[in-house]
Amino acid sequence: MTTPIAILLSGRGSNFLALNAAIERGELAARIAVVVSNVPGAPGLTRADELGLDAVAIPHALEPSRDAHETKVIAAIEASGAEWVCLAGYMPLLSSQTVGRFRERTLHIHPTLL
């Protein structure tokens, strides 16, 4: 059984690609349900498209508030059926609204502490 995951990224997507490769090698019992970026032109979104994955840009700069942006991110994650959220270089800070929604189902793999 594979676990559906949502990948959140802001840039190149190197961590996302490493996760995808691990899935393809059978090292991770998961499937990528959606790739979400706050940056419309993020190279990681382009790679997700090239791999045939569901990829969506939700630019935070166009939203009136953090809550408005995160509401759209949450909706995209839930619409995908993802059970886990992987922060793979996602640069915006997430509020308790999002963290609480995916409590104990969020993994932050980017090497920086935000």
PDB file of N, CA and C in Angstrom:
ATOM      1  N   MET A   1       0.844  -1.184   0.000  1.00  0.00           N
ATOM      2  CA  MET A   1       0.000   0.000   0.000  1.00  0.00           C
ATOM      3  C   MET A   1       0.886   1.242   0.000  1.00  0.00           C
ATOM      4  N   THR A   2       0.552   2.203  -0.846  1.00  0.00           N
ATOM      5  CA  THR A   2       1.335   3.433  -0.912  1.00  0.00           C
ATOM      6  C   THR A   2       0.574   4.573  -0.262  1.00  0.00           C
ATOM      7  N   THR A   3       1.314   5.417   0.387  1.00  0.00           N
ATOM      8  CA  THR A   3       0.744   6.580   1.059  1.00  0.00           C
ATOM      9  C   THR A   3       0.808   7.780   0.132  1.00  0.00           C
ATOM     10  N   PRO A   4      -0.324   8.459  -0.101  1.00  0.00           N
ATOM     11  CA  PRO A   4      -0.292   9.658  -0.931  1.00  0.00           C
ATOM     12  C   PRO A   4       0.291  10.842  -0.156  1.00  0.00           C
ATOM     13  N   ILE A   5       1.252  11.522  -0.783  1.00  0.00           N
ATOM     14  CA  ILE A   5       1.892  12.665  -0.134  1.00  0.00           C
ATOM     15  C   ILE A   5       1.786  13.910  -1.006  1.00  0.00           C
ATOM     16  N   ALA A   6       1.760  15.044  -0.342  1.00  0.00           N
ATOM     17  CA  ALA A   6       1.820  16.346  -1.011  1.00  0.00           C
ATOM     18  C   ALA A   6       3.213  16.903  -0.781  1.00  0.00           C
ATOM     19  N   ILE A   7       3.815  17.409  -1.832  1.00  0.00           N
ATOM     20  CA  ILE A   7       5.130  18.035  -1.741  1.00  0.00           C
ATOM     21  C   ILE A   7       4.944  19.538  -1.881  1.00  0.00           C
ATOM     22  N   LEU A   8       5.458  20.311  -0.932  1.00  0.00           N
ATOM     23  CA  LEU A   8       5.437  21.763  -1.024  1.00  0.00           C
ATOM     24  C   LEU A   8       6.860  22.235  -1.256  1.00  0.00           C
ATOM     25  N   LEU A   9       7.040  23.047  -2.289  1.00  0.00           N
ATOM     26  CA  LEU A   9       8.370  23.550  -2.625  1.00  0.00           C
ATOM     27  C   LEU A   9       8.281  24.986  -3.119  1.00  0.00           C
ATOM     28  N   SER A  10       9.424  25.640  -3.157  1.00  0.00           N
ATOM     29  CA  SER A  10       9.492  27.019  -3.642  1.00  0.00           C
ATOM     30  C   SER A  10      10.512  27.210  -4.750  1.00  0.00           C
ATOM     31  N   GLY A  11      11.373  26.250  -4.965  1.00  0.00           N
ATOM     32  CA  GLY A  11      12.472  26.458  -5.911  1.00  0.00           C
ATOM     33  C   GLY A  11      12.698  25.320  -6.874  1.00  0.00           C
ATOM     34  N   ARG A  12      13.963  24.880  -6.933  1.00  0.00           N
ATOM     35  CA  ARG A  12      14.394  23.892  -7.930  1.00  0.00           C
ATOM     36  C   ARG A  12      13.724  22.540  -7.777  1.00  0.00           C
ATOM     37  N   GLY A  13      13.411  22.159  -6.568  1.00  0.00           N
ATOM     38  CA  GLY A  13      12.776  20.876  -6.346  1.00  0.00           C
ATOM     39  C   GLY A  13      13.745  19.727  -6.185  1.00  0.00           C
ATOM     40  N   SER A  14      14.983  19.991  -5.780  1.00  0.00           N
ATOM     41  CA  SER A  14      15.960  18.906  -5.657  1.00  0.00           C
ATOM     42  C   SER A  14      15.530  17.876  -4.610  1.00  0.00           C
ATOM     43  N   ASN A  15      14.964  18.318  -3.499  1.00  0.00           N
ATOM     44  CA  ASN A  15      14.493  17.369  -2.489  1.00  0.00           C
ATOM     45  C   ASN A  15      13.283  16.595  -3.002  1.00  0.00           C
ATOM     46  N   PHE A  16      12.398  17.260  -3.709  1.00  0.00           N
ATOM     47  CA  PHE A  16      11.251  16.596  -4.319  1.00  0.00           C
ATOM     48  C   PHE A  16      11.718  15.524  -5.300  1.00  0.00           C
ATOM     49  N   LEU A  17      12.711  15.844  -6.120  1.00  0.00           N
ATOM     50  CA  LEU A  17      13.211  14.871  -7.095  1.00  0.00           C
ATOM     51  C   LEU A  17      13.874  13.682  -6.405  1.00  0.00           C
ATOM     52  N   ALA A  18      14.546  13.922  -5.285  1.00  0.00           N
ATOM     53  CA  ALA A  18      15.147  12.824  -4.525  1.00  0.00           C
ATOM     54  C   ALA A  18      14.060  11.918  -3.948  1.00  0.00           C
ATOM     55  N   LEU A  19      12.994  12.511  -3.453  1.00  0.00           N
ATOM     56  CA  LEU A  19      11.871  11.710  -2.953  1.00  0.00           C
ATOM     57  C   LEU A  19      11.236  10.907  -4.080  1.00  0.00           C
ATOM     58  N   ASN A  20      11.029  11.549  -5.211  1.00  0.00           N
ATOM     59  CA  ASN A  20      10.437  10.859  -6.359  1.00  0.00           C
ATOM     60  C   ASN A  20      11.314   9.685  -6.799  1.00  0.00           C
ATOM     61  N   ALA A  21      12.617   9.893  -6.817  1.00  0.00           N
ATOM     62  CA  ALA A  21      13.536   8.820  -7.203  1.00  0.00           C
ATOM     63  C   ALA A  21      13.463   7.657  -6.210  1.00  0.00           C
ATOM     64  N   ALA A  22      13.367   7.964  -4.924  1.00  0.00           N
ATOM     65  CA  ALA A  22      13.259   6.908  -3.905  1.00  0.00           C
ATOM     66  C   ALA A  22      11.959   6.122  -4.081  1.00  0.00           C
ATOM     67  N   ILE A  23      10.896   6.817  -4.436  1.00  0.00           N
ATOM     68  CA  ILE A  23       9.621   6.148  -4.704  1.00  0.00           C
ATOM     69  C   ILE A  23       9.763   5.233  -5.912  1.00  0.00           C
ATOM     70  N   GLU A  24      10.370   5.745  -6.970  1.00  0.00           N
ATOM     71  CA  GLU A  24      10.538   4.949  -8.190  1.00  0.00           C
ATOM     72  C   GLU A  24      11.421   3.721  -7.965  1.00  0.00           C
ATOM     73  N   ARG A  25      12.392   3.816  -7.062  1.00  0.00           N
ATOM     74  CA  ARG A  25      13.264   2.676  -6.752  1.00  0.00           C
ATOM     75  C   ARG A  25      12.601   1.689  -5.789  1.00  0.00           C
ATOM     76  N   GLY A  26      11.434   2.045  -5.284  1.00  0.00           N
ATOM     77  CA  GLY A  26      10.734   1.177  -4.342  1.00  0.00           C
ATOM     78  C   GLY A  26      11.223   1.300  -2.913  1.00  0.00           C
ATOM     79  N   GLU A  27      11.982   2.337  -2.614  1.00  0.00           N
ATOM     80  CA  GLU A  27      12.520   2.539  -1.267  1.00  0.00           C
ATOM     81  C   GLU A  27      11.550   3.267  -0.341  1.00  0.00           C
ATOM     82  N   LEU A  28      10.525   3.854  -0.911  1.00  0.00           N
ATOM     83  CA  LEU A  28       9.552   4.627  -0.148  1.00  0.00           C
ATOM     84  C   LEU A  28       8.163   4.232  -0.634  1.00  0.00           C
ATOM     85  N   ALA A  29       7.361   3.698   0.264  1.00  0.00           N
ATOM     86  CA  ALA A  29       6.015   3.240  -0.096  1.00  0.00           C
ATOM     87  C   ALA A  29       5.062   4.431  -0.100  1.00  0.00           C
ATOM     88  N   ALA A  30       5.220   5.258  -1.105  1.00  0.00           N
ATOM     89  CA  ALA A  30       4.405   6.471  -1.216  1.00  0.00           C
ATOM     90  C   ALA A  30       4.171   6.770  -2.686  1.00  0.00           C
ATOM     91  N   ARG A  31       3.241   7.670  -2.920  1.00  0.00           N
ATOM     92  CA  ARG A  31       3.048   8.228  -4.254  1.00  0.00           C
ATOM     93  C   ARG A  31       2.824   9.724  -4.082  1.00  0.00           C
ATOM     94  N   ILE A  32       3.323  10.487  -5.021  1.00  0.00           N
ATOM     95  CA  ILE A  32       3.170  11.936  -4.949  1.00  0.00           C
ATOM     96  C   ILE A  32       1.811  12.295  -5.529  1.00  0.00           C
ATOM     97  N   ALA A  33       0.937  12.786  -4.651  1.00  0.00           N
ATOM     98  CA  ALA A  33      -0.426  13.129  -5.044  1.00  0.00           C
ATOM     99  C   ALA A  33      -0.492  14.523  -5.669  1.00  0.00           C
ATOM    100  N   VAL A  34       0.354  15.431  -5.190  1.00  0.00           N
ATOM    101  CA  VAL A  34       0.368  16.795  -5.721  1.00  0.00           C
ATOM    102  C   VAL A  34       1.679  17.465  -5.320  1.00  0.00           C
ATOM    103  N   VAL A  35       2.139  18.354  -6.198  1.00  0.00           N
ATOM    104  CA  VAL A  35       3.282  19.213  -5.900  1.00  0.00           C
ATOM    105  C   VAL A  35       2.742  20.639  -5.906  1.00  0.00           C
ATOM    106  N   VAL A  36       2.954  21.350  -4.818  1.00  0.00           N
ATOM    107  CA  VAL A  36       2.440  22.708  -4.662  1.00  0.00           C
ATOM    108  C   VAL A  36       3.619  23.657  -4.478  1.00  0.00           C
ATOM    109  N   SER A  37       3.555  24.806  -5.160  1.00  0.00           N
ATOM    110  CA  SER A  37       4.582  25.826  -4.984  1.00  0.00           C
ATOM    111  C   SER A  37       3.937  27.190  -4.814  1.00  0.00           C
ATOM    112  N   ASN A  38       4.563  28.014  -4.015  1.00  0.00           N
ATOM    113  CA  ASN A  38       4.125  29.402  -3.878  1.00  0.00           C
ATOM    114  C   ASN A  38       4.751  30.293  -4.955  1.00  0.00           C
ATOM    115  N   VAL A  39       5.629  29.725  -5.778  1.00  0.00           N
ATOM    116  CA  VAL A  39       6.316  30.463  -6.839  1.00  0.00           C
ATOM    117  C   VAL A  39       5.867  29.899  -8.190  1.00  0.00           C
ATOM    118  N   PRO A  40       5.105  30.666  -8.965  1.00  0.00           N
ATOM    119  CA  PRO A  40       4.571  30.147 -10.230  1.00  0.00           C
ATOM    120  C   PRO A  40       5.618  29.598 -11.194  1.00  0.00           C
ATOM    121  N   GLY A  41       6.777  30.188 -11.269  1.00  0.00           N
ATOM    122  CA  GLY A  41       7.798  29.737 -12.210  1.00  0.00           C
ATOM    123  C   GLY A  41       8.830  28.810 -11.601  1.00  0.00           C
ATOM    124  N   ALA A  42       8.519  28.216 -10.471  1.00  0.00           N
ATOM    125  CA  ALA A  42       9.499  27.359  -9.791  1.00  0.00           C
ATOM    126  C   ALA A  42       9.903  26.182 -10.677  1.00  0.00           C
ATOM    127  N   PRO A  43      11.195  25.960 -10.842  1.00  0.00           N
ATOM    128  CA  PRO A  43      11.649  24.821 -11.636  1.00  0.00           C
ATOM    129  C   PRO A  43      11.108  23.483 -11.137  1.00  0.00           C
ATOM    130  N   GLY A  44      10.856  23.377  -9.844  1.00  0.00           N
ATOM    131  CA  GLY A  44      10.291  22.138  -9.301  1.00  0.00           C
ATOM    132  C   GLY A  44       8.923  21.829  -9.878  1.00  0.00           C
ATOM    133  N   LEU A  45       8.133  22.867 -10.135  1.00  0.00           N
ATOM    134  CA  LEU A  45       6.818  22.658 -10.769  1.00  0.00           C
ATOM    135  C   LEU A  45       6.980  22.158 -12.192  1.00  0.00           C
ATOM    136  N   THR A  46       7.942  22.715 -12.895  1.00  0.00           N
ATOM    137  CA  THR A  46       8.208  22.274 -14.276  1.00  0.00           C
ATOM    138  C   THR A  46       8.591  20.804 -14.283  1.00  0.00           C
ATOM    139  N   ARG A  47       9.456  20.400 -13.364  1.00  0.00           N
ATOM    140  CA  ARG A  47       9.870  18.990 -13.283  1.00  0.00           C
ATOM    141  C   ARG A  47       8.685  18.093 -12.947  1.00  0.00           C
ATOM    142  N   ALA A  48       7.825  18.541 -12.049  1.00  0.00           N
ATOM    143  CA  ALA A  48       6.641  17.753 -11.704  1.00  0.00           C
ATOM    144  C   ALA A  48       5.758  17.566 -12.937  1.00  0.00           C
ATOM    145  N   ASP A  49       5.560  18.637 -13.701  1.00  0.00           N
ATOM    146  CA  ASP A  49       4.788  18.549 -14.948  1.00  0.00           C
ATOM    147  C   ASP A  49       5.426  17.543 -15.899  1.00  0.00           C
ATOM    148  N   GLU A  50       6.736  17.622 -16.046  1.00  0.00           N
ATOM    149  CA  GLU A  50       7.451  16.715 -16.944  1.00  0.00           C
ATOM    150  C   GLU A  50       7.312  15.250 -16.518  1.00  0.00           C
ATOM    151  N   LEU A  51       7.177  15.023 -15.220  1.00  0.00           N
ATOM    152  CA  LEU A  51       7.021  13.671 -14.694  1.00  0.00           C
ATOM    153  C   LEU A  51       5.562  13.208 -14.702  1.00  0.00           C
ATOM    154  N   GLY A  52       4.676  14.078 -15.157  1.00  0.00           N
ATOM    155  CA  GLY A  52       3.262  13.732 -15.223  1.00  0.00           C
ATOM    156  C   GLY A  52       2.543  13.805 -13.888  1.00  0.00           C
ATOM    157  N   LEU A  53       3.104  14.548 -12.958  1.00  0.00           N
ATOM    158  CA  LEU A  53       2.495  14.698 -11.641  1.00  0.00           C
ATOM    159  C   LEU A  53       1.600  15.929 -11.602  1.00  0.00           C
ATOM    160  N   ASP A  54       0.614  15.888 -10.742  1.00  0.00           N
ATOM    161  CA  ASP A  54      -0.259  17.039 -10.536  1.00  0.00           C
ATOM    162  C   ASP A  54       0.574  18.133  -9.875  1.00  0.00           C
ATOM    163  N   ALA A  55       0.667  19.277 -10.525  1.00  0.00           N
ATOM    164  CA  ALA A  55       1.470  20.389 -10.008  1.00  0.00           C
ATOM    165  C   ALA A  55       0.635  21.659 -10.040  1.00  0.00           C
ATOM    166  N   VAL A  56       0.684  22.401  -8.962  1.00  0.00           N
ATOM    167  CA  VAL A  56      -0.129  23.615  -8.871  1.00  0.00           C
ATOM    168  C   VAL A  56       0.677  24.740  -8.216  1.00  0.00           C
ATOM    169  N   ALA A  57       0.545  25.927  -8.800  1.00  0.00           N
ATOM    170  CA  ALA A  57       1.155  27.129  -8.228  1.00  0.00           C
ATOM    171  C   ALA A  57       0.073  27.911  -7.483  1.00  0.00           C
ATOM    172  N   ILE A  58       0.387  28.266  -6.272  1.00  0.00           N
ATOM    173  CA  ILE A  58      -0.508  29.105  -5.471  1.00  0.00           C
ATOM    174  C   ILE A  58       0.339  30.249  -4.943  1.00  0.00           C
ATOM    175  N   PRO A  59       0.465  31.322  -5.737  1.00  0.00           N
ATOM    176  CA  PRO A  59       1.348  32.434  -5.352  1.00  0.00           C
ATOM    177  C   PRO A  59       0.850  33.158  -4.097  1.00  0.00           C
ATOM    178  N   HIS A  60       1.697  33.234  -3.102  1.00  0.00           N
ATOM    179  CA  HIS A  60       1.307  33.909  -1.865  1.00  0.00           C
ATOM    180  C   HIS A  60       1.252  35.424  -2.037  1.00  0.00           C
ATOM    181  N   ALA A  61       2.011  35.952  -2.959  1.00  0.00           N
ATOM    182  CA  ALA A  61       2.062  37.401  -3.144  1.00  0.00           C
ATOM    183  C   ALA A  61       0.737  37.975  -3.634  1.00  0.00           C
ATOM    184  N   LEU A  62      -0.107  37.145  -4.231  1.00  0.00           N
ATOM    185  CA  LEU A  62      -1.381  37.622  -4.758  1.00  0.00           C
ATOM    186  C   LEU A  62      -2.515  37.558  -3.742  1.00  0.00           C
ATOM    187  N   GLU A  63      -2.240  37.007  -2.587  1.00  0.00           N
ATOM    188  CA  GLU A  63      -3.277  36.836  -1.574  1.00  0.00           C
ATOM    189  C   GLU A  63      -3.268  37.987  -0.569  1.00  0.00           C
ATOM    190  N   PRO A  64      -4.438  38.330  -0.047  1.00  0.00           N
ATOM    191  CA  PRO A  64      -4.511  39.455   0.901  1.00  0.00           C
ATOM    192  C   PRO A  64      -3.927  39.137   2.276  1.00  0.00           C
ATOM    193  N   SER A  65      -3.774  37.846   2.593  1.00  0.00           N
ATOM    194  CA  SER A  65      -3.255  37.471   3.910  1.00  0.00           C
ATOM    195  C   SER A  65      -2.647  36.077   3.861  1.00  0.00           C
ATOM    196  N   ARG A  66      -1.887  35.769   4.886  1.00  0.00           N
ATOM    197  CA  ARG A  66      -1.316  34.427   5.011  1.00  0.00           C
ATOM    198  C   ARG A  66      -2.437  33.395   5.100  1.00  0.00           C
ATOM    199  N   ASP A  67      -3.477  33.709   5.874  1.00  0.00           N
ATOM    200  CA  ASP A  67      -4.589  32.769   6.020  1.00  0.00           C
ATOM    201  C   ASP A  67      -5.260  32.483   4.686  1.00  0.00           C
ATOM    202  N   ALA A  68      -5.439  33.508   3.862  1.00  0.00           N
ATOM    203  CA  ALA A  68      -6.070  33.305   2.553  1.00  0.00           C
ATOM    204  C   ALA A  68      -5.221  32.384   1.686  1.00  0.00           C
ATOM    205  N   HIS A  69      -3.913  32.601   1.711  1.00  0.00           N
ATOM    206  CA  HIS A  69      -3.009  31.752   0.944  1.00  0.00           C
ATOM    207  C   HIS A  69      -3.045  30.313   1.459  1.00  0.00           C
ATOM    208  N   GLU A  70      -2.915  30.145   2.759  1.00  0.00           N
ATOM    209  CA  GLU A  70      -2.877  28.804   3.323  1.00  0.00           C
ATOM    210  C   GLU A  70      -4.197  28.059   3.139  1.00  0.00           C
ATOM    211  N   THR A  71      -5.302  28.773   3.116  1.00  0.00           N
ATOM    212  CA  THR A  71      -6.591  28.136   2.851  1.00  0.00           C
ATOM    213  C   THR A  71      -6.578  27.483   1.475  1.00  0.00           C
ATOM    214  N   LYS A  72      -5.983  28.146   0.500  1.00  0.00           N
ATOM    215  CA  LYS A  72      -5.883  27.572  -0.849  1.00  0.00           C
ATOM    216  C   LYS A  72      -4.905  26.402  -0.891  1.00  0.00           C
ATOM    217  N   VAL A  73      -3.812  26.505  -0.156  1.00  0.00           N
ATOM    218  CA  VAL A  73      -2.840  25.411  -0.098  1.00  0.00           C
ATOM    219  C   VAL A  73      -3.497  24.177   0.534  1.00  0.00           C
ATOM    220  N   ILE A  74      -4.180  24.376   1.646  1.00  0.00           N
ATOM    221  CA  ILE A  74      -4.876  23.278   2.318  1.00  0.00           C
ATOM    222  C   ILE A  74      -5.893  22.637   1.372  1.00  0.00           C
ATOM    223  N   ALA A  75      -6.639  23.460   0.649  1.00  0.00           N
ATOM    224  CA  ALA A  75      -7.644  22.934  -0.281  1.00  0.00           C
ATOM    225  C   ALA A  75      -6.994  22.074  -1.365  1.00  0.00           C
ATOM    226  N   ALA A  76      -5.850  22.509  -1.883  1.00  0.00           N
ATOM    227  CA  ALA A  76      -5.151  21.734  -2.921  1.00  0.00           C
ATOM    228  C   ALA A  76      -4.652  20.407  -2.363  1.00  0.00           C
ATOM    229  N   ILE A  77      -4.129  20.433  -1.152  1.00  0.00           N
ATOM    230  CA  ILE A  77      -3.638  19.202  -0.524  1.00  0.00           C
ATOM    231  C   ILE A  77      -4.793  18.235  -0.304  1.00  0.00           C
ATOM    232  N   GLU A  78      -5.867  18.733   0.276  1.00  0.00           N
ATOM    233  CA  GLU A  78      -7.005  17.861   0.573  1.00  0.00           C
ATOM    234  C   GLU A  78      -7.666  17.344  -0.706  1.00  0.00           C
ATOM    235  N   ALA A  79      -7.753  18.168  -1.750  1.00  0.00           N
ATOM    236  CA  ALA A  79      -8.347  17.732  -3.017  1.00  0.00           C
ATOM    237  C   ALA A  79      -7.534  16.613  -3.661  1.00  0.00           C
ATOM    238  N   SER A  80      -6.230  16.589  -3.388  1.00  0.00           N
ATOM    239  CA  SER A  80      -5.360  15.568  -3.972  1.00  0.00           C
ATOM    240  C   SER A  80      -5.486  14.217  -3.272  1.00  0.00           C
ATOM    241  N   GLY A  81      -6.043  14.225  -2.073  1.00  0.00           N
ATOM    242  CA  GLY A  81      -6.135  13.005  -1.284  1.00  0.00           C
ATOM    243  C   GLY A  81      -4.876  12.693  -0.499  1.00  0.00           C
ATOM    244  N   ALA A  82      -3.936  13.630  -0.463  1.00  0.00           N
ATOM    245  CA  ALA A  82      -2.684  13.414   0.266  1.00  0.00           C
ATOM    246  C   ALA A  82      -2.958  13.223   1.756  1.00  0.00           C
ATOM    247  N   GLU A  83      -2.251  12.266   2.330  1.00  0.00           N
ATOM    248  CA  GLU A  83      -2.357  12.002   3.764  1.00  0.00           C
ATOM    249  C   GLU A  83      -1.204  12.633   4.537  1.00  0.00           C
ATOM    250  N   TRP A  84      -0.084  12.835   3.859  1.00  0.00           N
ATOM    251  CA  TRP A  84       1.099  13.446   4.468  1.00  0.00           C
ATOM    252  C   TRP A  84       1.510  14.655   3.658  1.00  0.00           C
ATOM    253  N   VAL A  85       2.147  15.617   4.330  1.00  0.00           N
ATOM    254  CA  VAL A  85       2.672  16.816   3.685  1.00  0.00           C
ATOM    255  C   VAL A  85       4.176  16.837   3.903  1.00  0.00           C
ATOM    256  N   CYS A  86       4.911  17.020   2.826  1.00  0.00           N
ATOM    257  CA  CYS A  86       6.363  17.098   2.898  1.00  0.00           C
ATOM    258  C   CYS A  86       6.817  18.492   2.474  1.00  0.00           C
ATOM    259  N   LEU A  87       7.411  19.217   3.392  1.00  0.00           N
ATOM    260  CA  LEU A  87       7.951  20.536   3.099  1.00  0.00           C
ATOM    261  C   LEU A  87       9.358  20.334   2.554  1.00  0.00           C
ATOM    262  N   ALA A  88       9.492  20.482   1.257  1.00  0.00           N
ATOM    263  CA  ALA A  88      10.750  20.192   0.565  1.00  0.00           C
ATOM    264  C   ALA A  88      11.303  21.475  -0.044  1.00  0.00           C
ATOM    265  N   GLY A  89      11.663  22.394   0.820  1.00  0.00           N
ATOM    266  CA  GLY A  89      12.166  23.672   0.332  1.00  0.00           C
ATOM    267  C   GLY A  89      11.066  24.711   0.167  1.00  0.00           C
ATOM    268  N   TYR A  90       9.983  24.563   0.905  1.00  0.00           N
ATOM    269  CA  TYR A  90       8.878  25.530   0.875  1.00  0.00           C
ATOM    270  C   TYR A  90       9.248  26.672   1.805  1.00  0.00           C
ATOM    271  N   MET A  91       9.378  27.861   1.271  1.00  0.00           N
ATOM    272  CA  MET A  91       9.949  28.953   2.040  1.00  0.00           C
ATOM    273  C   MET A  91       8.977  29.742   2.935  1.00  0.00           C
ATOM    274  N   PRO A  92       7.694  29.887   2.582  1.00  0.00           N
ATOM    275  CA  PRO A  92       6.819  30.630   3.512  1.00  0.00           C
ATOM    276  C   PRO A  92       6.658  29.889   4.838  1.00  0.00           C
ATOM    277  N   LEU A  93       6.593  30.663   5.905  1.00  0.00           N
ATOM    278  CA  LEU A  93       6.308  30.078   7.207  1.00  0.00           C
ATOM    279  C   LEU A  93       4.846  29.663   7.233  1.00  0.00           C
ATOM    280  N   LEU A  94       4.574  28.507   7.783  1.00  0.00           N
ATOM    281  CA  LEU A  94       3.201  28.033   7.884  1.00  0.00           C
ATOM    282  C   LEU A  94       2.642  28.376   9.254  1.00  0.00           C
ATOM    283  N   SER A  95       1.393  28.777   9.268  1.00  0.00           N
ATOM    284  CA  SER A  95       0.737  29.120  10.524  1.00  0.00           C
ATOM    285  C   SER A  95       0.181  27.863  11.191  1.00  0.00           C
ATOM    286  N   SER A  96      -0.359  28.050  12.379  1.00  0.00           N
ATOM    287  CA  SER A  96      -0.966  26.930  13.097  1.00  0.00           C
ATOM    288  C   SER A  96      -2.178  26.386  12.354  1.00  0.00           C
ATOM    289  N   GLN A  97      -2.780  27.187  11.479  1.00  0.00           N
ATOM    290  CA  GLN A  97      -3.912  26.727  10.670  1.00  0.00           C
ATOM    291  C   GLN A  97      -3.500  25.505   9.840  1.00  0.00           C
ATOM    292  N   THR A  98      -2.391  25.597   9.156  1.00  0.00           N
ATOM    293  CA  THR A  98      -1.938  24.502   8.298  1.00  0.00           C
ATOM    294  C   THR A  98      -1.259  23.408   9.109  1.00  0.00           C
ATOM    295  N   VAL A  99      -0.391  23.782  10.004  1.00  0.00           N
ATOM    296  CA  VAL A  99       0.320  22.794  10.815  1.00  0.00           C
ATOM    297  C   VAL A  99      -0.682  21.964  11.622  1.00  0.00           C
ATOM    298  N   GLY A 100      -1.681  22.624  12.171  1.00  0.00           N
ATOM    299  CA  GLY A 100      -2.703  21.911  12.943  1.00  0.00           C
ATOM    300  C   GLY A 100      -3.555  20.986  12.085  1.00  0.00           C
ATOM    301  N   ARG A 101      -3.826  21.396  10.868  1.00  0.00           N
ATOM    302  CA  ARG A 101      -4.651  20.579   9.963  1.00  0.00           C
ATOM    303  C   ARG A 101      -3.955  19.260   9.621  1.00  0.00           C
ATOM    304  N   PHE A 102      -2.627  19.292   9.530  1.00  0.00           N
ATOM    305  CA  PHE A 102      -1.861  18.097   9.187  1.00  0.00           C
ATOM    306  C   PHE A 102      -0.967  17.684  10.357  1.00  0.00           C
ATOM    307  N   ARG A 103      -1.483  17.843  11.544  1.00  0.00           N
ATOM    308  CA  ARG A 103      -0.751  17.540  12.772  1.00  0.00           C
ATOM    309  C   ARG A 103      -0.227  16.109  12.732  1.00  0.00           C
ATOM    310  N   GLU A 104       1.046  15.968  13.040  1.00  0.00           N
ATOM    311  CA  GLU A 104       1.733  14.679  13.064  1.00  0.00           C
ATOM    312  C   GLU A 104       1.728  13.975  11.711  1.00  0.00           C
ATOM    313  N   ARG A 105       1.473  14.750  10.644  1.00  0.00           N
ATOM    314  CA  ARG A 105       1.531  14.215   9.287  1.00  0.00           C
ATOM    315  C   ARG A 105       2.298  15.163   8.370  1.00  0.00           C
ATOM    316  N   THR A 106       3.177  15.963   8.952  1.00  0.00           N
ATOM    317  CA  THR A 106       3.988  16.917   8.202  1.00  0.00           C
ATOM    318  C   THR A 106       5.452  16.628   8.457  1.00  0.00           C
ATOM    319  N   LEU A 107       6.201  16.573   7.365  1.00  0.00           N
ATOM    320  CA  LEU A 107       7.637  16.309   7.465  1.00  0.00           C
ATOM    321  C   LEU A 107       8.386  17.437   6.771  1.00  0.00           C
ATOM    322  N   HIS A 108       9.312  18.037   7.486  1.00  0.00           N
ATOM    323  CA  HIS A 108      10.118  19.128   6.944  1.00  0.00           C
ATOM    324  C   HIS A 108      11.499  18.565   6.612  1.00  0.00           C
ATOM    325  N   ILE A 109      11.817  18.468   5.309  1.00  0.00           N
ATOM    326  CA  ILE A 109      13.095  17.853   4.942  1.00  0.00           C
ATOM    327  C   ILE A 109      14.138  18.832   4.432  1.00  0.00           C
ATOM    328  N   HIS A 110      13.786  20.088   4.300  1.00  0.00           N
ATOM    329  CA  HIS A 110      14.748  21.074   3.818  1.00  0.00           C
ATOM    330  C   HIS A 110      15.776  21.325   4.903  1.00  0.00           C
ATOM    331  N   PRO A 111      17.043  21.522   4.544  1.00  0.00           N
ATOM    332  CA  PRO A 111      18.088  21.644   5.555  1.00  0.00           C
ATOM    333  C   PRO A 111      18.089  22.948   6.353  1.00  0.00           C
ATOM    334  N   THR A 112      17.283  23.908   5.995  1.00  0.00           N
ATOM    335  CA  THR A 112      17.260  25.144   6.777  1.00  0.00           C
ATOM    336  C   THR A 112      16.150  25.083   7.808  1.00  0.00           C
ATOM    337  N   LEU A 113      16.314  25.814   8.865  1.00  0.00           N
ATOM    338  CA  LEU A 113      15.265  25.933   9.877  1.00  0.00           C
ATOM    339  C   LEU A 113      14.547  27.247   9.629  1.00  0.00           C
ATOM    340  N   LEU A 114      13.274  27.141   9.337  1.00  0.00           N
ATOM    341  CA  LEU A 114      12.474  28.336   9.069  1.00  0.00           C
ATOM    342  C   LEU A 114      11.670  28.713  10.272  1.00  0.00           C
TER     343      LEU A 114
END
